[in-house]
Amino acid sequence: MSLLTKAISLAKKVHEGQYRRDGKTEYFVHLVRAAKLVKELGGSEEQIALAYLHDSVENYGGDRTLIIKEIKNIFGAQFLTEVLCLTKDEDAAYFEYIKKIKQNKKLILVKICDMIDNLSDQPNEKQKKKYATALLKLILD
């Protein structure tokens, strides 16, 4: 099974029954749109797979250690490290999280595509400002 097939399969499983802000759109649609944008912008297969799994730990409905172990078993320790870098820790300040992502060039494209899709999905004014500021930090800082 290819890297992308594995990532898509796990993302579907993790986000089953989850919906976007509107309460109607399946969460998985966000992952598809973000991954498609990564691909359109020339991202690697690994970056596309990361786009499918970027919210898997943060949005996992159960014990996070289980999904962390599953990602490591399926994709390896390095891939897990990158997924965890894309995962905002509950206690972390948002822009510290963005600063951490900025340190890994491979993840910048994934996060930018995630935020672009978030901006297209009925964000409130506070979210618009947060994403716009974060995009500038990832691109310019």
N, C-alpha and C. Protein backbone atom coordinates (compact mmCIF):
# COMPACT_ATOMS: atom_id res chain seq x y z
N MET A 1 0.85 -1.18 0.00
CA MET A 1 0.00 0.00 0.00
C MET A 1 0.89 1.25 0.00
N SER A 2 0.55 2.22 -0.82
CA SER A 2 1.38 3.42 -0.94
C SER A 2 1.24 4.32 0.30
N LEU A 3 2.18 5.24 0.43
CA LEU A 3 2.17 6.21 1.52
C LEU A 3 0.85 6.98 1.53
N LEU A 4 0.43 7.46 0.37
CA LEU A 4 -0.81 8.24 0.29
C LEU A 4 -2.04 7.40 0.62
N THR A 5 -2.08 6.19 0.14
CA THR A 5 -3.22 5.31 0.43
C THR A 5 -3.33 5.07 1.94
N LYS A 6 -2.19 4.84 2.57
CA LYS A 6 -2.18 4.64 4.03
C LYS A 6 -2.63 5.90 4.77
N ALA A 7 -2.15 7.05 4.31
CA ALA A 7 -2.51 8.32 4.97
C ALA A 7 -3.99 8.61 4.82
N ILE A 8 -4.52 8.42 3.63
CA ILE A 8 -5.95 8.66 3.38
C ILE A 8 -6.79 7.72 4.24
N SER A 9 -6.42 6.46 4.27
CA SER A 9 -7.16 5.47 5.04
C SER A 9 -7.19 5.82 6.53
N LEU A 10 -6.04 6.18 7.07
CA LEU A 10 -5.98 6.53 8.49
C LEU A 10 -6.74 7.83 8.77
N ALA A 11 -6.61 8.80 7.89
CA ALA A 11 -7.32 10.08 8.08
C ALA A 11 -8.84 9.86 8.09
N LYS A 12 -9.33 9.03 7.19
CA LYS A 12 -10.77 8.72 7.16
C LYS A 12 -11.21 8.10 8.47
N LYS A 13 -10.40 7.18 8.97
CA LYS A 13 -10.73 6.50 10.23
C LYS A 13 -10.73 7.48 11.40
N VAL A 14 -9.70 8.30 11.49
CA VAL A 14 -9.56 9.24 12.62
C VAL A 14 -10.69 10.25 12.64
N HIS A 15 -11.07 10.76 11.47
CA HIS A 15 -12.03 11.87 11.40
C HIS A 15 -13.46 11.42 11.10
N GLU A 16 -13.70 10.12 11.13
CA GLU A 16 -15.05 9.61 10.88
C GLU A 16 -16.04 10.22 11.88
N GLY A 17 -17.13 10.75 11.36
CA GLY A 17 -18.16 11.34 12.21
C GLY A 17 -17.87 12.76 12.66
N GLN A 18 -16.75 13.35 12.20
CA GLN A 18 -16.41 14.73 12.56
C GLN A 18 -16.83 15.65 11.42
N TYR A 19 -17.23 16.87 11.80
CA TYR A 19 -17.72 17.84 10.83
C TYR A 19 -17.01 19.17 11.00
N ARG A 20 -17.03 19.97 9.94
CA ARG A 20 -16.43 21.31 9.96
C ARG A 20 -17.34 22.27 10.71
N ARG A 21 -16.97 23.54 10.71
CA ARG A 21 -17.69 24.57 11.46
C ARG A 21 -19.18 24.62 11.16
N ASP A 22 -19.53 24.33 9.91
CA ASP A 22 -20.93 24.44 9.51
C ASP A 22 -21.79 23.29 10.04
N GLY A 23 -21.16 22.27 10.60
CA GLY A 23 -21.89 21.13 11.15
C GLY A 23 -22.44 20.19 10.09
N LYS A 24 -22.15 20.46 8.81
CA LYS A 24 -22.68 19.65 7.71
C LYS A 24 -21.57 19.01 6.89
N THR A 25 -20.48 19.74 6.69
CA THR A 25 -19.37 19.26 5.85
C THR A 25 -18.51 18.29 6.65
N GLU A 26 -18.31 17.11 6.09
CA GLU A 26 -17.45 16.14 6.77
C GLU A 26 -16.05 16.71 6.90
N TYR A 27 -15.42 16.50 8.05
CA TYR A 27 -14.08 17.04 8.31
C TYR A 27 -13.08 16.57 7.26
N PHE A 28 -13.23 15.35 6.80
CA PHE A 28 -12.31 14.78 5.82
C PHE A 28 -12.19 15.65 4.57
N VAL A 29 -13.26 16.37 4.22
CA VAL A 29 -13.24 17.25 3.05
C VAL A 29 -12.14 18.31 3.19
N HIS A 30 -11.97 18.83 4.40
CA HIS A 30 -10.90 19.80 4.65
C HIS A 30 -9.54 19.19 4.33
N LEU A 31 -9.32 17.96 4.73
CA LEU A 31 -8.04 17.30 4.50
C LEU A 31 -7.80 17.08 3.02
N VAL A 32 -8.84 16.70 2.30
CA VAL A 32 -8.73 16.50 0.86
C VAL A 32 -8.36 17.82 0.17
N ARG A 33 -9.04 18.90 0.55
CA ARG A 33 -8.76 20.20 -0.06
C ARG A 33 -7.34 20.67 0.25
N ALA A 34 -6.90 20.51 1.49
CA ALA A 34 -5.54 20.92 1.87
C ALA A 34 -4.51 20.08 1.11
N ALA A 35 -4.72 18.77 1.04
CA ALA A 35 -3.79 17.88 0.34
C ALA A 35 -3.75 18.20 -1.16
N LYS A 36 -4.91 18.49 -1.74
CA LYS A 36 -4.97 18.85 -3.17
C LYS A 36 -4.17 20.12 -3.43
N LEU A 37 -4.28 21.08 -2.54
CA LEU A 37 -3.54 22.32 -2.70
C LEU A 37 -2.03 22.08 -2.57
N VAL A 38 -1.64 21.25 -1.61
CA VAL A 38 -0.21 20.89 -1.47
C VAL A 38 0.29 20.30 -2.79
N LYS A 39 -0.49 19.39 -3.36
CA LYS A 39 -0.09 18.75 -4.62
C LYS A 39 0.00 19.77 -5.74
N GLU A 40 -1.01 20.64 -5.86
CA GLU A 40 -1.03 21.65 -6.92
C GLU A 40 0.15 22.61 -6.82
N LEU A 41 0.64 22.84 -5.61
CA LEU A 41 1.76 23.74 -5.40
C LEU A 41 3.11 23.02 -5.46
N GLY A 42 3.09 21.76 -5.90
CA GLY A 42 4.34 21.04 -6.13
C GLY A 42 4.88 20.30 -4.92
N GLY A 43 4.04 20.07 -3.93
CA GLY A 43 4.48 19.34 -2.75
C GLY A 43 4.81 17.89 -3.05
N SER A 44 5.67 17.33 -2.23
CA SER A 44 6.07 15.93 -2.39
C SER A 44 4.95 15.01 -1.91
N GLU A 45 5.09 13.73 -2.22
CA GLU A 45 4.13 12.73 -1.75
C GLU A 45 4.05 12.75 -0.21
N GLU A 46 5.19 12.91 0.42
CA GLU A 46 5.20 12.94 1.89
C GLU A 46 4.45 14.17 2.41
N GLN A 47 4.63 15.32 1.78
CA GLN A 47 3.91 16.53 2.20
C GLN A 47 2.40 16.36 2.00
N ILE A 48 2.01 15.70 0.93
CA ILE A 48 0.59 15.45 0.68
C ILE A 48 0.04 14.53 1.77
N ALA A 49 0.80 13.49 2.11
CA ALA A 49 0.38 12.57 3.19
C ALA A 49 0.28 13.31 4.52
N LEU A 50 1.22 14.21 4.77
CA LEU A 50 1.17 15.01 6.01
C LEU A 50 -0.07 15.90 6.03
N ALA A 51 -0.46 16.41 4.87
CA ALA A 51 -1.67 17.24 4.80
C ALA A 51 -2.90 16.42 5.20
N TYR A 52 -2.94 15.16 4.80
CA TYR A 52 -4.07 14.30 5.19
C TYR A 52 -4.08 14.02 6.70
N LEU A 53 -2.91 14.00 7.31
CA LEU A 53 -2.83 13.60 8.72
C LEU A 53 -2.52 14.75 9.67
N HIS A 54 -2.47 15.99 9.18
CA HIS A 54 -2.03 17.10 10.01
C HIS A 54 -2.91 17.36 11.24
N ASP A 55 -4.15 16.98 11.20
CA ASP A 55 -5.05 17.17 12.34
C ASP A 55 -5.37 15.88 13.09
N SER A 56 -4.72 14.80 12.72
CA SER A 56 -5.09 13.49 13.26
C SER A 56 -4.88 13.37 14.77
N VAL A 57 -3.80 13.90 15.28
CA VAL A 57 -3.54 13.81 16.72
C VAL A 57 -4.41 14.82 17.47
N GLU A 58 -4.43 16.04 16.96
CA GLU A 58 -5.18 17.12 17.62
C GLU A 58 -6.68 16.82 17.71
N ASN A 59 -7.24 16.21 16.69
CA ASN A 59 -8.68 15.96 16.64
C ASN A 59 -9.08 14.54 16.99
N TYR A 60 -8.12 13.72 17.39
CA TYR A 60 -8.43 12.33 17.72
C TYR A 60 -9.39 12.30 18.90
N GLY A 61 -10.44 11.53 18.78
CA GLY A 61 -11.49 11.50 19.80
C GLY A 61 -11.18 10.66 21.02
N GLY A 62 -10.11 9.93 21.01
CA GLY A 62 -9.79 9.05 22.13
C GLY A 62 -8.44 9.40 22.75
N ASP A 63 -7.82 8.40 23.33
CA ASP A 63 -6.51 8.55 23.94
C ASP A 63 -5.48 8.83 22.85
N ARG A 64 -4.89 10.00 22.89
CA ARG A 64 -3.94 10.42 21.84
C ARG A 64 -2.76 9.48 21.70
N THR A 65 -2.37 8.84 22.79
CA THR A 65 -1.22 7.94 22.69
C THR A 65 -1.49 6.80 21.71
N LEU A 66 -2.76 6.43 21.54
CA LEU A 66 -3.10 5.34 20.60
C LEU A 66 -2.86 5.77 19.16
N ILE A 67 -3.30 6.96 18.80
CA ILE A 67 -3.11 7.41 17.43
C ILE A 67 -1.63 7.72 17.17
N ILE A 68 -0.94 8.20 18.18
CA ILE A 68 0.50 8.45 18.04
C ILE A 68 1.23 7.15 17.75
N LYS A 69 0.91 6.10 18.50
CA LYS A 69 1.54 4.80 18.26
C LYS A 69 1.19 4.26 16.88
N GLU A 70 -0.05 4.44 16.47
CA GLU A 70 -0.47 3.93 15.17
C GLU A 70 0.27 4.65 14.03
N ILE A 71 0.39 5.96 14.13
CA ILE A 71 1.13 6.71 13.11
C ILE A 71 2.58 6.24 13.05
N LYS A 72 3.19 6.08 14.20
CA LYS A 72 4.59 5.63 14.24
C LYS A 72 4.73 4.24 13.62
N ASN A 73 3.81 3.33 13.95
CA ASN A 73 3.87 1.97 13.42
C ASN A 73 3.68 1.93 11.91
N ILE A 74 2.80 2.76 11.40
CA ILE A 74 2.51 2.74 9.97
C ILE A 74 3.54 3.52 9.16
N PHE A 75 3.95 4.69 9.65
CA PHE A 75 4.74 5.62 8.85
C PHE A 75 6.17 5.82 9.34
N GLY A 76 6.48 5.42 10.56
CA GLY A 76 7.82 5.58 11.09
C GLY A 76 7.97 6.79 12.00
N ALA A 77 9.07 6.82 12.72
CA ALA A 77 9.32 7.83 13.75
C ALA A 77 9.47 9.24 13.16
N GLN A 78 10.16 9.38 12.03
CA GLN A 78 10.37 10.71 11.45
C GLN A 78 9.05 11.33 11.00
N PHE A 79 8.21 10.54 10.35
CA PHE A 79 6.91 11.03 9.90
C PHE A 79 6.06 11.44 11.11
N LEU A 80 6.09 10.63 12.16
CA LEU A 80 5.36 10.97 13.39
C LEU A 80 5.86 12.30 13.95
N THR A 81 7.17 12.50 13.98
CA THR A 81 7.74 13.75 14.48
C THR A 81 7.17 14.93 13.71
N GLU A 82 7.02 14.78 12.40
CA GLU A 82 6.49 15.87 11.58
C GLU A 82 5.00 16.08 11.83
N VAL A 83 4.24 15.00 12.00
CA VAL A 83 2.82 15.14 12.35
C VAL A 83 2.69 15.86 13.69
N LEU A 84 3.52 15.49 14.64
CA LEU A 84 3.46 16.13 15.97
C LEU A 84 3.85 17.61 15.90
N CYS A 85 4.76 17.94 15.00
CA CYS A 85 5.13 19.35 14.81
C CYS A 85 3.93 20.13 14.27
N LEU A 86 3.12 19.51 13.42
CA LEU A 86 1.93 20.14 12.87
C LEU A 86 0.76 20.16 13.86
N THR A 87 0.92 19.48 14.98
CA THR A 87 -0.13 19.38 15.99
C THR A 87 0.06 20.49 17.02
N LYS A 88 -0.95 21.33 17.16
CA LYS A 88 -0.86 22.39 18.17
C LYS A 88 -1.13 21.78 19.54
N ASP A 89 -0.16 21.93 20.41
CA ASP A 89 -0.31 21.49 21.79
C ASP A 89 -1.33 22.41 22.48
N GLU A 90 -2.22 21.83 23.25
CA GLU A 90 -3.28 22.60 23.91
C GLU A 90 -2.73 23.78 24.72
N ASP A 91 -1.58 23.61 25.31
CA ASP A 91 -1.01 24.63 26.19
C ASP A 91 -0.12 25.64 25.46
N ALA A 92 0.18 25.38 24.20
CA ALA A 92 1.10 26.24 23.46
C ALA A 92 0.39 27.48 22.93
N ALA A 93 1.11 28.57 22.91
CA ALA A 93 0.60 29.78 22.28
C ALA A 93 0.62 29.55 20.77
N TYR A 94 -0.39 30.05 20.07
CA TYR A 94 -0.54 29.78 18.65
C TYR A 94 0.68 30.21 17.84
N PHE A 95 1.22 31.39 18.10
CA PHE A 95 2.33 31.85 17.28
C PHE A 95 3.65 31.18 17.65
N GLU A 96 3.76 30.60 18.83
CA GLU A 96 4.92 29.76 19.16
C GLU A 96 4.84 28.46 18.34
N TYR A 97 3.63 27.96 18.21
CA TYR A 97 3.38 26.77 17.38
C TYR A 97 3.77 27.05 15.93
N ILE A 98 3.40 28.21 15.41
CA ILE A 98 3.75 28.60 14.04
C ILE A 98 5.28 28.72 13.91
N LYS A 99 5.92 29.28 14.92
CA LYS A 99 7.38 29.40 14.92
C LYS A 99 8.05 28.03 14.84
N LYS A 100 7.49 27.05 15.54
CA LYS A 100 8.01 25.68 15.52
C LYS A 100 7.89 25.09 14.12
N ILE A 101 6.75 25.29 13.47
CA ILE A 101 6.56 24.79 12.11
C ILE A 101 7.55 25.44 11.16
N LYS A 102 7.79 26.72 11.33
CA LYS A 102 8.69 27.48 10.45
C LYS A 102 10.10 26.88 10.43
N GLN A 103 10.47 26.16 11.46
CA GLN A 103 11.81 25.57 11.55
C GLN A 103 11.98 24.34 10.66
N ASN A 104 10.86 23.81 10.13
CA ASN A 104 10.93 22.64 9.27
C ASN A 104 10.36 23.02 7.90
N LYS A 105 11.22 23.28 6.95
CA LYS A 105 10.81 23.79 5.63
C LYS A 105 9.75 22.90 4.96
N LYS A 106 9.83 21.60 5.18
CA LYS A 106 8.87 20.67 4.58
C LYS A 106 7.44 20.93 5.07
N LEU A 107 7.33 21.39 6.32
CA LEU A 107 6.01 21.56 6.93
C LEU A 107 5.37 22.90 6.61
N ILE A 108 6.15 23.86 6.19
CA ILE A 108 5.62 25.20 5.91
C ILE A 108 4.52 25.13 4.84
N LEU A 109 4.78 24.44 3.75
CA LEU A 109 3.79 24.33 2.68
C LEU A 109 2.51 23.66 3.19
N VAL A 110 2.65 22.61 3.97
CA VAL A 110 1.49 21.90 4.51
C VAL A 110 0.64 22.84 5.36
N LYS A 111 1.28 23.59 6.23
CA LYS A 111 0.55 24.50 7.12
C LYS A 111 -0.09 25.64 6.35
N ILE A 112 0.62 26.17 5.35
CA ILE A 112 0.04 27.24 4.54
C ILE A 112 -1.22 26.74 3.83
N CYS A 113 -1.17 25.55 3.27
CA CYS A 113 -2.34 25.00 2.58
C CYS A 113 -3.49 24.73 3.56
N ASP A 114 -3.17 24.28 4.74
CA ASP A 114 -4.18 24.08 5.79
C ASP A 114 -4.87 25.41 6.10
N MET A 115 -4.09 26.46 6.31
CA MET A 115 -4.67 27.76 6.67
C MET A 115 -5.45 28.38 5.51
N ILE A 116 -4.98 28.20 4.28
CA ILE A 116 -5.72 28.71 3.13
C ILE A 116 -7.10 28.06 3.09
N ASP A 117 -7.13 26.75 3.30
CA ASP A 117 -8.44 26.09 3.31
C ASP A 117 -9.29 26.55 4.49
N ASN A 118 -8.67 26.73 5.64
CA ASN A 118 -9.42 27.23 6.80
C ASN A 118 -10.02 28.61 6.52
N LEU A 119 -9.29 29.43 5.80
CA LEU A 119 -9.79 30.77 5.45
C LEU A 119 -10.95 30.71 4.46
N SER A 120 -11.06 29.63 3.72
CA SER A 120 -12.14 29.49 2.74
C SER A 120 -13.39 28.85 3.34
N ASP A 121 -13.35 28.57 4.62
CA ASP A 121 -14.38 27.74 5.26
C ASP A 121 -15.10 28.48 6.39
N GLN A 122 -15.64 29.66 6.11
CA GLN A 122 -16.44 30.44 7.04
C GLN A 122 -15.76 30.77 8.37
N PRO A 123 -14.53 31.27 8.34
CA PRO A 123 -13.90 31.65 9.60
C PRO A 123 -14.53 32.93 10.16
N ASN A 124 -14.48 33.06 11.48
CA ASN A 124 -14.95 34.32 12.07
C ASN A 124 -13.82 35.36 11.95
N GLU A 125 -14.08 36.58 12.36
CA GLU A 125 -13.09 37.66 12.20
C GLU A 125 -11.79 37.37 12.97
N LYS A 126 -11.92 36.83 14.16
CA LYS A 126 -10.73 36.50 14.97
C LYS A 126 -9.87 35.45 14.25
N GLN A 127 -10.52 34.43 13.69
CA GLN A 127 -9.80 33.39 12.98
C GLN A 127 -9.14 33.95 11.71
N LYS A 128 -9.84 34.83 10.99
CA LYS A 128 -9.26 35.44 9.79
C LYS A 128 -7.98 36.18 10.14
N LYS A 129 -8.01 36.95 11.20
CA LYS A 129 -6.84 37.72 11.61
C LYS A 129 -5.69 36.78 12.02
N LYS A 130 -6.03 35.74 12.79
CA LYS A 130 -5.02 34.79 13.25
C LYS A 130 -4.35 34.09 12.07
N TYR A 131 -5.15 33.59 11.12
CA TYR A 131 -4.58 32.88 9.97
C TYR A 131 -3.78 33.82 9.08
N ALA A 132 -4.29 35.02 8.85
CA ALA A 132 -3.57 35.98 8.01
C ALA A 132 -2.22 36.33 8.62
N THR A 133 -2.19 36.57 9.92
CA THR A 133 -0.94 36.88 10.61
C THR A 133 0.02 35.69 10.54
N ALA A 134 -0.51 34.50 10.77
CA ALA A 134 0.34 33.30 10.73
C ALA A 134 0.90 33.07 9.33
N LEU A 135 0.08 33.28 8.30
CA LEU A 135 0.57 33.13 6.92
C LEU A 135 1.73 34.07 6.66
N LEU A 136 1.57 35.31 7.09
CA LEU A 136 2.66 36.29 6.91
C LEU A 136 3.92 35.85 7.65
N LYS A 137 3.76 35.33 8.86
CA LYS A 137 4.92 34.88 9.63
C LYS A 137 5.63 33.71 8.93
N LEU A 138 4.84 32.80 8.37
CA LEU A 138 5.45 31.65 7.68
C LEU A 138 6.14 32.07 6.39
N ILE A 139 5.59 33.06 5.72
CA ILE A 139 6.13 33.47 4.42
C ILE A 139 7.26 34.48 4.55
N LEU A 140 7.11 35.44 5.46
CA LEU A 140 8.03 36.58 5.50
C LEU A 140 9.08 36.53 6.60
N ASP A 141 8.74 36.07 7.76
CA ASP A 141 9.69 36.13 8.90
C ASP A 141 10.93 35.31 8.66
